[in-house]
C-alpha atoms as a PDB file:
ATOM      1  CA  MET A   1       0.025  -0.047   0.052  1.00  0.00           C
ATOM      2  CA  THR A   2       1.424   3.385  -0.977  1.00  0.00           C
ATOM      3  CA  MET A   3       0.682   6.606   0.797  1.00  0.00           C
ATOM      4  CA  LYS A   4      -0.681   9.457  -1.376  1.00  0.00           C
ATOM      5  CA  LYS A   5       0.612  12.936  -0.941  1.00  0.00           C
ATOM      6  CA  GLN A   6      -2.764  14.085   0.197  1.00  0.00           C
ATOM      7  CA  THR A   7      -2.890  11.418   2.880  1.00  0.00           C
ATOM      8  CA  ALA A   8       0.552  12.306   4.243  1.00  0.00           C
ATOM      9  CA  GLY A   9      -0.445  16.002   4.210  1.00  0.00           C
ATOM     10  CA  ALA A  10      -3.607  15.306   6.181  1.00  0.00           C
ATOM     11  CA  VAL A  11      -1.682  13.282   8.838  1.00  0.00           C
ATOM     12  CA  THR A  12       0.937  16.007   9.014  1.00  0.00           C
ATOM     13  CA  VAL A  13      -1.746  18.722   9.579  1.00  0.00           C
ATOM     14  CA  ALA A  14      -3.650  16.568  12.113  1.00  0.00           C
ATOM     15  CA  ALA A  15      -0.479  15.862  14.131  1.00  0.00           C
ATOM     16  CA  ALA A  16       0.444  19.554  14.012  1.00  0.00           C
ATOM     17  CA  MET A  17      -2.916  20.514  15.244  1.00  0.00           C
ATOM     18  CA  VAL A  18      -2.667  18.107  18.253  1.00  0.00           C
ATOM     19  CA  CYS A  19       0.686  19.573  19.116  1.00  0.00           C
ATOM     20  CA  VAL A  20      -0.481  23.174  18.857  1.00  0.00           C
ATOM     21  CA  ALA A  21      -3.832  22.403  20.692  1.00  0.00           C
ATOM     22  CA  ALA A  22      -1.954  20.708  23.443  1.00  0.00           C
ATOM     23  CA  SER A  23       0.563  23.509  23.884  1.00  0.00           C
ATOM     24  CA  ALA A  24      -2.112  26.210  23.805  1.00  0.00           C
ATOM     25  CA  GLY A  25      -4.262  24.251  26.181  1.00  0.00           C
ATOM     26  CA  TRP A  26      -1.424  24.050  28.689  1.00  0.00           C
ATOM     27  CA  ARG A  27      -0.516  27.646  28.121  1.00  0.00           C
ATOM     28  CA  LEU A  28      -4.100  28.760  28.876  1.00  0.00           C
ATOM     29  CA  GLY A  29      -4.318  26.522  31.865  1.00  0.00           C
ATOM     30  CA  LEU A  30      -6.987  24.183  30.346  1.00  0.00           C
ATOM     31  CA  ILE A  31      -4.951  20.998  30.619  1.00  0.00           C
ATOM     32  CA  GLU A  32      -2.341  19.786  33.008  1.00  0.00           C
ATOM     33  CA  THR A  33       1.319  19.865  32.111  1.00  0.00           C
ATOM     34  CA  TRP A  34       1.763  16.051  32.007  1.00  0.00           C
ATOM     35  CA  ILE A  35      -1.137  15.749  29.549  1.00  0.00           C
ATOM     36  CA  ALA A  36       0.275  18.350  27.269  1.00  0.00           C
ATOM     37  CA  ILE A  37       3.705  16.559  27.348  1.00  0.00           C
ATOM     38  CA  VAL A  38       2.262  13.209  26.560  1.00  0.00           C
ATOM     39  CA  LEU A  39       0.241  14.613  23.630  1.00  0.00           C
ATOM     40  CA  ASN A  40       3.274  16.437  22.158  1.00  0.00           C
ATOM     41  CA  VAL A  41       5.477  13.341  22.749  1.00  0.00           C
ATOM     42  CA  VAL A  42       3.081  11.062  20.979  1.00  0.00           C
ATOM     43  CA  ALA A  43       2.050  13.511  18.158  1.00  0.00           C
ATOM     44  CA  PHE A  44       5.405  14.986  17.212  1.00  0.00           C
ATOM     45  CA  PRO A  45       6.995  11.779  15.761  1.00  0.00           C
ATOM     46  CA  PHE A  46       3.886  11.309  13.592  1.00  0.00           C
ATOM     47  CA  PHE A  47       4.320  14.858  12.374  1.00  0.00           C
ATOM     48  CA  LEU A  48       7.890  14.358  11.406  1.00  0.00           C
ATOM     49  CA  VAL A  49       7.446  11.051   9.668  1.00  0.00           C
ATOM     50  CA  ALA A  50       4.331  12.286   7.744  1.00  0.00           C
ATOM     51  CA  LEU A  51       6.093  15.488   6.751  1.00  0.00           C
ATOM     52  CA  GLY A  52       9.036  13.491   5.375  1.00  0.00           C
ATOM     53  CA  LEU A  53       6.562  11.216   3.405  1.00  0.00           C
ATOM     54  CA  TRP A  54       4.691  14.201   2.160  1.00  0.00           C
ATOM     55  CA  TRP A  55       7.889  15.827   1.021  1.00  0.00           C
ATOM     56  CA  ASN A  56       9.090  12.766  -0.815  1.00  0.00           C
ATOM     57  CA  ALA A  57       5.600  11.660  -2.274  1.00  0.00           C
ATOM     58  CA  ALA A  58       5.182  11.965  -6.004  1.00  0.00           C
ATOM     59  CA  GLU A  59       2.154  13.758  -7.395  1.00  0.00           C
ATOM     60  CA  LYS A  60       1.393  10.633  -9.507  1.00  0.00           C
ATOM     61  CA  GLU A  61       1.369   6.977  -8.546  1.00  0.00           C
ATOM     62  CA  GLU A  62       4.787   6.000  -9.792  1.00  0.00           C
ATOM     63  CA  GLY A  63       5.825   3.112  -7.528  1.00  0.00           C
ATOM     64  CA  ASP A  64       6.911   2.955  -3.981  1.00  0.00           C
ATOM     65  CA  THR A  65       7.584   5.908  -1.748  1.00  0.00           C
ATOM     66  CA  PRO A  66      11.279   6.320  -1.210  1.00  0.00           C
ATOM     67  CA  PHE A  67      12.820   5.159   2.038  1.00  0.00           C
ATOM     68  CA  ILE A  68      13.481   8.193   4.296  1.00  0.00           C
ATOM     69  CA  GLY A  69      15.378   6.388   7.126  1.00  0.00           C
ATOM     70  CA  TYR A  70      14.774   6.042  10.789  1.00  0.00           C
END
């Protein structure tokens, strides 16, 4: 199964929104510090990997997505 550029972009935006919402919620005092930390620690790797996949994804279906490393 190959990941389309649109799908990778959607995952990137969703993970970024979780990170921003957690940080804003902590800053405004709506959530506790440990919850904001857990949300950021979980969402940030998804953001980085999806951003790398989006960056390398082709506009057309031309085979596999290139390996971006660990």
